[in-house]
Amino acid sequence: MSKLTKRQKKMEELLEGFTQPSSAVDAINKLKEISEAVSKFDETVECHMRLGIDVKRAEQQIRSTTVLPAGLGKEVRVCVIAKGAKATEAKEAGADEAGAEEVIEKISGGWFEFDTLIATPDCMGMLGKLGRVLGPKGLMPNPKTGTVTMDVASAVKDAKAGKVEFRADKQGMIHVPIGKIKFSAEDLMKNYSTLADAILRAKPSSAKGTYLKSVFLTTTMGPSIKLDPKNVAAEIKEHV
């Protein structure tokens, strides 16, 4: 068995006696304590949930978005594929890049200096040839995530404000960042509660049995702390 590093030993010491499953508030405070003691950078705080859904059934596929009230703690670069007045509207709303043919040509040439790609419906046909490139990167605009829309101004503002996508993978798992460890505990709790509330509301009507199977909060290089799925709904009511 490999020896524990000094970092790992310190994390184990700080977790000693900490009861799990814990409340989200206690988990966030413990993660902040551990990160402050062992990390030299501003770690990302992540939420991981396992859902009781049948991912093979189309009606139980979960994919949606929500805007985190405290943002993500990073600058989100937004590119918009739109023509004429809509491209201008996007720029005025804060888009880092906006246009049609000329922007698509840049992307075709290997330019990916953006985190979110938004497109108007009339421009989606032009993006078809880039599907194989944009799809694997999770950048292809989709109506379900609000990135295919004529209201480009609102879409740009939401993206800049901290809009995140949550999507169940093949194992029914959802992995979403909820902010930076340097955020206040209150802001992290607001972000977590907003995300958890959106996921609860996204429960498919055909899903049977326990919906939230497991919930964990963790940081980039830190430990995972288990929450009690049965208490999630009650706990987030105080913060949403």
C-alpha atoms as a PDB file:
ATOM      1  CA  MET A   1       0.000   0.000   0.000  1.00  0.00           C
ATOM      2  CA  SER A   2       1.401   3.411  -0.991  1.00  0.00           C
ATOM      3  CA  LYS A   3       2.268   5.930   1.709  1.00  0.00           C
ATOM      4  CA  LEU A   4       0.075   8.950   2.249  1.00  0.00           C
ATOM      5  CA  THR A   5       1.517  12.312   1.252  1.00  0.00           C
ATOM      6  CA  LYS A   6       1.733  15.149   3.794  1.00  0.00           C
ATOM      7  CA  ARG A   7      -1.262  16.726   2.084  1.00  0.00           C
ATOM      8  CA  GLN A   8      -3.328  13.545   2.363  1.00  0.00           C
ATOM      9  CA  LYS A   9      -2.357  13.081   6.014  1.00  0.00           C
ATOM     10  CA  LYS A  10      -3.394  16.645   6.789  1.00  0.00           C
ATOM     11  CA  MET A  11      -6.765  16.145   5.081  1.00  0.00           C
ATOM     12  CA  GLU A  12      -7.352  12.942   7.043  1.00  0.00           C
ATOM     13  CA  GLU A  13      -6.536  14.754  10.279  1.00  0.00           C
ATOM     14  CA  LEU A  14      -8.991  17.539   9.489  1.00  0.00           C
ATOM     15  CA  LEU A  15     -11.708  15.013   8.600  1.00  0.00           C
ATOM     16  CA  GLU A  16     -11.178  12.979  11.768  1.00  0.00           C
ATOM     17  CA  GLY A  17     -14.358  13.009  13.829  1.00  0.00           C
ATOM     18  CA  PHE A  18     -16.356  14.757  11.116  1.00  0.00           C
ATOM     19  CA  THR A  19     -19.719  13.023  10.822  1.00  0.00           C
ATOM     20  CA  GLN A  20     -20.916  11.878   7.398  1.00  0.00           C
ATOM     21  CA  PRO A  21     -23.401  12.117   5.836  1.00  0.00           C
ATOM     22  CA  SER A  22     -23.402  15.766   6.809  1.00  0.00           C
ATOM     23  CA  SER A  23     -25.489  18.811   6.045  1.00  0.00           C
ATOM     24  CA  ALA A  24     -24.493  20.905   3.032  1.00  0.00           C
ATOM     25  CA  VAL A  25     -23.627  23.831   5.315  1.00  0.00           C
ATOM     26  CA  ASP A  26     -21.261  21.709   7.416  1.00  0.00           C
ATOM     27  CA  ALA A  27     -19.731  20.141   4.284  1.00  0.00           C
ATOM     28  CA  ILE A  28     -19.003  23.534   2.733  1.00  0.00           C
ATOM     29  CA  ASN A  29     -17.425  24.858   5.931  1.00  0.00           C
ATOM     30  CA  LYS A  30     -15.275  21.729   6.268  1.00  0.00           C
ATOM     31  CA  LEU A  31     -14.136  21.919   2.635  1.00  0.00           C
ATOM     32  CA  LYS A  32     -13.187  25.571   3.139  1.00  0.00           C
ATOM     33  CA  GLU A  33     -11.219  24.667   6.282  1.00  0.00           C
ATOM     34  CA  ILE A  34      -9.356  21.858   4.507  1.00  0.00           C
ATOM     35  CA  SER A  35      -8.606  23.904   1.384  1.00  0.00           C
ATOM     36  CA  GLU A  36      -7.251  26.789   3.448  1.00  0.00           C
ATOM     37  CA  ALA A  37      -4.937  24.375   5.255  1.00  0.00           C
ATOM     38  CA  VAL A  38      -3.585  22.363   2.338  1.00  0.00           C
ATOM     39  CA  SER A  39      -4.232  24.148  -0.964  1.00  0.00           C
ATOM     40  CA  LYS A  40      -2.228  26.936  -2.574  1.00  0.00           C
ATOM     41  CA  PHE A  41      -4.815  27.902  -5.192  1.00  0.00           C
ATOM     42  CA  ASP A  42      -8.486  28.856  -5.394  1.00  0.00           C
ATOM     43  CA  GLU A  43     -10.075  25.440  -5.871  1.00  0.00           C
ATOM     44  CA  THR A  44     -13.362  24.846  -7.647  1.00  0.00           C
ATOM     45  CA  VAL A  45     -16.167  23.445  -5.514  1.00  0.00           C
ATOM     46  CA  GLU A  46     -18.161  20.703  -7.253  1.00  0.00           C
ATOM     47  CA  CYS A  47     -21.446  18.924  -6.661  1.00  0.00           C
ATOM     48  CA  HIS A  48     -21.892  15.294  -7.704  1.00  0.00           C
ATOM     49  CA  MET A  49     -25.282  13.578  -7.643  1.00  0.00           C
ATOM     50  CA  ARG A  50     -26.345  10.059  -8.576  1.00  0.00           C
ATOM     51  CA  LEU A  51     -29.955   9.941  -9.715  1.00  0.00           C
ATOM     52  CA  GLY A  52     -32.447   7.099  -9.687  1.00  0.00           C
ATOM     53  CA  ILE A  53     -33.331   7.340 -13.370  1.00  0.00           C
ATOM     54  CA  ASP A  54     -33.300   4.899 -16.268  1.00  0.00           C
ATOM     55  CA  VAL A  55     -30.891   6.636 -18.641  1.00  0.00           C
ATOM     56  CA  LYS A  56     -31.890   4.250 -21.455  1.00  0.00           C
ATOM     57  CA  ARG A  57     -35.370   5.754 -21.560  1.00  0.00           C
ATOM     58  CA  ALA A  58     -35.620   8.958 -23.582  1.00  0.00           C
ATOM     59  CA  GLU A  59     -38.224  10.504 -21.288  1.00  0.00           C
ATOM     60  CA  GLN A  60     -35.868  10.144 -18.334  1.00  0.00           C
ATOM     61  CA  GLN A  61     -32.955  11.945 -19.950  1.00  0.00           C
ATOM     62  CA  ILE A  62     -32.083  14.982 -17.830  1.00  0.00           C
ATOM     63  CA  ARG A  63     -30.475  18.025 -19.413  1.00  0.00           C
ATOM     64  CA  SER A  64     -31.166  21.572 -18.372  1.00  0.00           C
ATOM     65  CA  THR A  65     -29.567  24.742 -17.005  1.00  0.00           C
ATOM     66  CA  THR A  66     -29.781  27.114 -14.086  1.00  0.00           C
ATOM     67  CA  VAL A  67     -28.130  30.433 -13.228  1.00  0.00           C
ATOM     68  CA  LEU A  68     -26.087  30.336 -10.030  1.00  0.00           C
ATOM     69  CA  PRO A  69     -26.844  33.493  -8.002  1.00  0.00           C
ATOM     70  CA  ALA A  70     -23.225  34.034  -6.925  1.00  0.00           C
ATOM     71  CA  GLY A  71     -21.747  33.140 -10.324  1.00  0.00           C
ATOM     72  CA  LEU A  72     -18.852  30.774 -10.936  1.00  0.00           C
ATOM     73  CA  GLY A  73     -15.980  33.015  -9.962  1.00  0.00           C
ATOM     74  CA  LYS A  74     -14.484  33.139 -13.429  1.00  0.00           C
ATOM     75  CA  GLU A  75     -14.820  35.170 -16.597  1.00  0.00           C
ATOM     76  CA  VAL A  76     -17.066  33.319 -19.052  1.00  0.00           C
ATOM     77  CA  ARG A  77     -16.171  33.929 -22.703  1.00  0.00           C
ATOM     78  CA  VAL A  78     -19.260  33.972 -24.902  1.00  0.00           C
ATOM     79  CA  CYS A  79     -19.391  33.601 -28.686  1.00  0.00           C
ATOM     80  CA  VAL A  80     -22.616  34.183 -30.621  1.00  0.00           C
ATOM     81  CA  ILE A  81     -23.431  32.987 -34.137  1.00  0.00           C
ATOM     82  CA  ALA A  82     -25.928  35.496 -35.482  1.00  0.00           C
ATOM     83  CA  LYS A  83     -26.428  37.866 -38.383  1.00  0.00           C
ATOM     84  CA  GLY A  84     -26.857  41.613 -38.642  1.00  0.00           C
ATOM     85  CA  ALA A  85     -28.877  43.227 -35.868  1.00  0.00           C
ATOM     86  CA  LYS A  86     -28.770  40.100 -33.712  1.00  0.00           C
ATOM     87  CA  ALA A  87     -24.963  40.044 -33.826  1.00  0.00           C
ATOM     88  CA  THR A  88     -24.952  43.702 -32.790  1.00  0.00           C
ATOM     89  CA  GLU A  89     -27.427  42.950 -30.004  1.00  0.00           C
ATOM     90  CA  ALA A  90     -25.170  40.171 -28.747  1.00  0.00           C
ATOM     91  CA  LYS A  91     -22.118  42.437 -28.719  1.00  0.00           C
ATOM     92  CA  GLU A  92     -24.011  45.134 -26.827  1.00  0.00           C
ATOM     93  CA  ALA A  93     -25.069  42.523 -24.251  1.00  0.00           C
ATOM     94  CA  GLY A  94     -21.430  41.626 -23.593  1.00  0.00           C
ATOM     95  CA  ALA A  95     -20.583  38.838 -26.062  1.00  0.00           C
ATOM     96  CA  ASP A  96     -16.852  38.474 -26.623  1.00  0.00           C
ATOM     97  CA  GLU A  97     -17.375  37.530 -30.274  1.00  0.00           C
ATOM     98  CA  ALA A  98     -20.426  37.718 -32.527  1.00  0.00           C
ATOM     99  CA  GLY A  99     -21.038  37.193 -36.227  1.00  0.00           C
ATOM    100  CA  ALA A 100     -21.987  34.556 -38.759  1.00  0.00           C
ATOM    101  CA  GLU A 101     -19.863  33.255 -41.636  1.00  0.00           C
ATOM    102  CA  GLU A 102     -16.676  34.946 -40.497  1.00  0.00           C
ATOM    103  CA  VAL A 103     -16.919  33.482 -36.972  1.00  0.00           C
ATOM    104  CA  ILE A 104     -17.757  30.000 -38.260  1.00  0.00           C
ATOM    105  CA  GLU A 105     -14.709  30.212 -40.503  1.00  0.00           C
ATOM    106  CA  LYS A 106     -12.535  31.057 -37.481  1.00  0.00           C
ATOM    107  CA  ILE A 107     -13.905  28.058 -35.554  1.00  0.00           C
ATOM    108  CA  SER A 108     -13.337  25.823 -38.597  1.00  0.00           C
ATOM    109  CA  GLY A 109      -9.723  26.944 -38.522  1.00  0.00           C
ATOM    110  CA  GLY A 110      -9.282  25.778 -34.940  1.00  0.00           C
ATOM    111  CA  TRP A 111     -10.278  28.864 -32.941  1.00  0.00           C
ATOM    112  CA  PHE A 112     -11.963  27.961 -29.647  1.00  0.00           C
ATOM    113  CA  GLU A 113     -11.387  30.999 -27.455  1.00  0.00           C
ATOM    114  CA  PHE A 114     -14.822  30.779 -25.858  1.00  0.00           C
ATOM    115  CA  ASP A 115     -16.604  28.847 -23.097  1.00  0.00           C
ATOM    116  CA  THR A 116     -20.191  29.142 -24.356  1.00  0.00           C
ATOM    117  CA  LEU A 117     -21.517  29.170 -27.915  1.00  0.00           C
ATOM    118  CA  ILE A 118     -24.933  30.682 -28.613  1.00  0.00           C
ATOM    119  CA  ALA A 119     -26.709  30.716 -31.981  1.00  0.00           C
ATOM    120  CA  THR A 120     -29.924  32.049 -33.447  1.00  0.00           C
ATOM    121  CA  PRO A 121     -32.175  29.364 -34.996  1.00  0.00           C
ATOM    122  CA  ASP A 122     -31.613  30.665 -38.547  1.00  0.00           C
ATOM    123  CA  CYS A 123     -27.839  30.119 -38.163  1.00  0.00           C
ATOM    124  CA  MET A 124     -27.951  26.544 -36.864  1.00  0.00           C
ATOM    125  CA  GLY A 125     -27.773  25.119 -40.374  1.00  0.00           C
ATOM    126  CA  MET A 126     -24.428  26.835 -40.833  1.00  0.00           C
ATOM    127  CA  LEU A 127     -23.077  25.101 -37.720  1.00  0.00           C
ATOM    128  CA  GLY A 128     -23.983  21.616 -38.925  1.00  0.00           C
ATOM    129  CA  LYS A 129     -20.572  20.959 -40.451  1.00  0.00           C
ATOM    130  CA  LEU A 130     -18.913  21.737 -37.108  1.00  0.00           C
ATOM    131  CA  GLY A 131     -21.006  19.265 -35.110  1.00  0.00           C
ATOM    132  CA  ARG A 132     -18.229  16.676 -34.931  1.00  0.00           C
ATOM    133  CA  VAL A 133     -15.882  19.260 -33.460  1.00  0.00           C
ATOM    134  CA  LEU A 134     -18.256  21.180 -31.197  1.00  0.00           C
ATOM    135  CA  GLY A 135     -20.203  18.166 -29.908  1.00  0.00           C
ATOM    136  CA  PRO A 136     -17.338  16.380 -28.097  1.00  0.00           C
ATOM    137  CA  LYS A 137     -16.302  19.679 -26.510  1.00  0.00           C
ATOM    138  CA  GLY A 138     -19.836  20.257 -25.199  1.00  0.00           C
ATOM    139  CA  LEU A 139     -20.084  23.501 -27.166  1.00  0.00           C
ATOM    140  CA  MET A 140     -22.808  22.727 -29.697  1.00  0.00           C
ATOM    141  CA  PRO A 141     -25.769  25.085 -29.149  1.00  0.00           C
ATOM    142  CA  ASN A 142     -28.950  23.325 -28.048  1.00  0.00           C
ATOM    143  CA  PRO A 143     -32.519  24.597 -27.490  1.00  0.00           C
ATOM    144  CA  LYS A 144     -32.719  22.569 -24.239  1.00  0.00           C
ATOM    145  CA  THR A 145     -29.927  24.632 -22.707  1.00  0.00           C
ATOM    146  CA  GLY A 146     -31.182  27.956 -24.044  1.00  0.00           C
ATOM    147  CA  THR A 147     -28.222  28.404 -26.370  1.00  0.00           C
ATOM    148  CA  VAL A 148     -30.363  28.325 -29.519  1.00  0.00           C
ATOM    149  CA  THR A 149     -32.522  31.416 -29.244  1.00  0.00           C
ATOM    150  CA  MET A 150     -33.512  34.695 -30.851  1.00  0.00           C
ATOM    151  CA  ASP A 151     -33.177  36.404 -27.473  1.00  0.00           C
ATOM    152  CA  VAL A 152     -29.400  36.524 -27.694  1.00  0.00           C
ATOM    153  CA  ALA A 153     -29.077  39.424 -25.248  1.00  0.00           C
ATOM    154  CA  SER A 154     -30.653  37.455 -22.391  1.00  0.00           C
ATOM    155  CA  ALA A 155     -28.676  34.334 -23.296  1.00  0.00           C
ATOM    156  CA  VAL A 156     -25.399  36.264 -23.212  1.00  0.00           C
ATOM    157  CA  LYS A 157     -26.225  37.916 -19.888  1.00  0.00           C
ATOM    158  CA  ASP A 158     -27.217  34.564 -18.325  1.00  0.00           C
ATOM    159  CA  ALA A 159     -23.991  32.935 -19.513  1.00  0.00           C
ATOM    160  CA  LYS A 160     -21.922  35.786 -18.116  1.00  0.00           C
ATOM    161  CA  ALA A 161     -23.846  35.703 -14.826  1.00  0.00           C
ATOM    162  CA  GLY A 162     -23.003  32.060 -14.064  1.00  0.00           C
ATOM    163  CA  LYS A 163     -25.356  29.861 -16.020  1.00  0.00           C
ATOM    164  CA  VAL A 164     -24.436  26.175 -15.701  1.00  0.00           C
ATOM    165  CA  GLU A 165     -25.668  23.109 -17.519  1.00  0.00           C
ATOM    166  CA  PHE A 166     -26.488  19.905 -15.679  1.00  0.00           C
ATOM    167  CA  ARG A 167     -26.811  16.673 -17.578  1.00  0.00           C
ATOM    168  CA  ALA A 168     -27.068  13.067 -16.413  1.00  0.00           C
ATOM    169  CA  ASP A 169     -24.372  10.828 -17.903  1.00  0.00           C
ATOM    170  CA  LYS A 170     -24.699   7.143 -18.815  1.00  0.00           C
ATOM    171  CA  GLN A 171     -24.467   6.176 -15.143  1.00  0.00           C
ATOM    172  CA  GLY A 172     -27.143   8.659 -14.085  1.00  0.00           C
ATOM    173  CA  MET A 173     -24.507  10.943 -12.556  1.00  0.00           C
ATOM    174  CA  ILE A 174     -24.527  14.739 -12.626  1.00  0.00           C
ATOM    175  CA  HIS A 175     -21.295  16.701 -12.099  1.00  0.00           C
ATOM    176  CA  VAL A 176     -21.512  20.492 -11.803  1.00  0.00           C
ATOM    177  CA  PRO A 177     -19.188  23.233 -10.463  1.00  0.00           C
ATOM    178  CA  ILE A 178     -20.867  25.551  -7.952  1.00  0.00           C
ATOM    179  CA  GLY A 179     -18.195  28.198  -7.435  1.00  0.00           C
ATOM    180  CA  LYS A 180     -14.760  28.808  -5.951  1.00  0.00           C
ATOM    181  CA  ILE A 181     -13.586  27.841  -2.473  1.00  0.00           C
ATOM    182  CA  LYS A 182     -12.750  31.509  -1.770  1.00  0.00           C
ATOM    183  CA  PHE A 183     -16.471  32.338  -2.061  1.00  0.00           C
ATOM    184  CA  SER A 184     -18.204  32.928   1.245  1.00  0.00           C
ATOM    185  CA  ALA A 185     -19.906  29.877   2.729  1.00  0.00           C
ATOM    186  CA  GLU A 186     -23.208  31.694   2.235  1.00  0.00           C
ATOM    187  CA  ASP A 187     -22.623  32.221  -1.504  1.00  0.00           C
ATOM    188  CA  LEU A 188     -21.559  28.601  -1.992  1.00  0.00           C
ATOM    189  CA  MET A 189     -24.669  27.468  -0.146  1.00  0.00           C
ATOM    190  CA  LYS A 190     -26.878  29.674  -2.331  1.00  0.00           C
ATOM    191  CA  ASN A 191     -25.297  28.236  -5.469  1.00  0.00           C
ATOM    192  CA  TYR A 192     -25.586  24.653  -4.229  1.00  0.00           C
ATOM    193  CA  SER A 193     -29.214  25.155  -3.206  1.00  0.00           C
ATOM    194  CA  THR A 194     -30.130  26.719  -6.554  1.00  0.00           C
ATOM    195  CA  LEU A 195     -28.554  23.809  -8.432  1.00  0.00           C
ATOM    196  CA  ALA A 196     -30.088  21.141  -6.176  1.00  0.00           C
ATOM    197  CA  ASP A 197     -33.506  22.768  -6.462  1.00  0.00           C
ATOM    198  CA  ALA A 198     -33.266  22.793 -10.275  1.00  0.00           C
ATOM    199  CA  ILE A 199     -32.263  19.121 -10.328  1.00  0.00           C
ATOM    200  CA  LEU A 200     -35.143  18.173  -8.021  1.00  0.00           C
ATOM    201  CA  ARG A 201     -37.564  20.060 -10.255  1.00  0.00           C
ATOM    202  CA  ALA A 202     -36.185  18.221 -13.294  1.00  0.00           C
ATOM    203  CA  LYS A 203     -37.274  14.828 -11.941  1.00  0.00           C
ATOM    204  CA  PRO A 204     -38.989  12.896 -14.762  1.00  0.00           C
ATOM    205  CA  SER A 205     -42.599  11.978 -13.981  1.00  0.00           C
ATOM    206  CA  SER A 206     -41.873   8.394 -15.060  1.00  0.00           C
ATOM    207  CA  ALA A 207     -38.938   7.963 -12.637  1.00  0.00           C
ATOM    208  CA  LYS A 208     -39.864   5.521  -9.870  1.00  0.00           C
ATOM    209  CA  GLY A 209     -38.318   4.899  -6.477  1.00  0.00           C
ATOM    210  CA  THR A 210     -35.653   7.063  -4.865  1.00  0.00           C
ATOM    211  CA  TYR A 211     -34.672   9.976  -7.097  1.00  0.00           C
ATOM    212  CA  LEU A 212     -31.600  11.290  -5.253  1.00  0.00           C
ATOM    213  CA  LYS A 213     -29.420   8.235  -4.661  1.00  0.00           C
ATOM    214  CA  SER A 214     -26.298  10.035  -3.411  1.00  0.00           C
ATOM    215  CA  VAL A 215     -24.963  13.567  -3.108  1.00  0.00           C
ATOM    216  CA  PHE A 216     -21.350  14.649  -2.603  1.00  0.00           C
ATOM    217  CA  LEU A 217     -19.586  17.995  -2.372  1.00  0.00           C
ATOM    218  CA  THR A 218     -15.876  18.167  -3.145  1.00  0.00           C
ATOM    219  CA  THR A 219     -13.097  20.474  -4.322  1.00  0.00           C
ATOM    220  CA  THR A 220     -10.566  20.166  -7.148  1.00  0.00           C
ATOM    221  CA  MET A 221      -7.876  18.517  -5.023  1.00  0.00           C
ATOM    222  CA  GLY A 222      -9.806  17.886  -1.825  1.00  0.00           C
ATOM    223  CA  PRO A 223     -11.873  15.087  -0.307  1.00  0.00           C
ATOM    224  CA  SER A 224     -15.469  14.232  -1.179  1.00  0.00           C
ATOM    225  CA  ILE A 225     -17.965  14.813   1.607  1.00  0.00           C
ATOM    226  CA  LYS A 226     -21.180  12.819   1.580  1.00  0.00           C
ATOM    227  CA  LEU A 227     -24.518  14.525   2.189  1.00  0.00           C
ATOM    228  CA  ASP A 228     -27.778  12.901   3.249  1.00  0.00           C
ATOM    229  CA  PRO A 229     -30.009  12.804   0.129  1.00  0.00           C
ATOM    230  CA  LYS A 230     -33.129  12.629   2.335  1.00  0.00           C
ATOM    231  CA  ASN A 231     -32.375  16.070   3.798  1.00  0.00           C
ATOM    232  CA  VAL A 232     -31.584  17.903   0.566  1.00  0.00           C
ATOM    233  CA  ALA A 233     -35.098  19.195  -0.173  1.00  0.00           C
ATOM    234  CA  ALA A 234     -35.615  20.500   3.365  1.00  0.00           C
ATOM    235  CA  GLU A 235     -32.189  22.110   3.569  1.00  0.00           C
ATOM    236  CA  ILE A 236     -32.359  24.028   0.299  1.00  0.00           C
ATOM    237  CA  LYS A 237     -35.713  25.616   1.242  1.00  0.00           C
ATOM    238  CA  GLU A 238     -33.811  27.925   3.567  1.00  0.00           C
ATOM    239  CA  HIS A 239     -31.541  29.212   0.794  1.00  0.00           C
ATOM    240  CA  VAL A 240     -33.541  29.308  -2.477  1.00  0.00           C
END
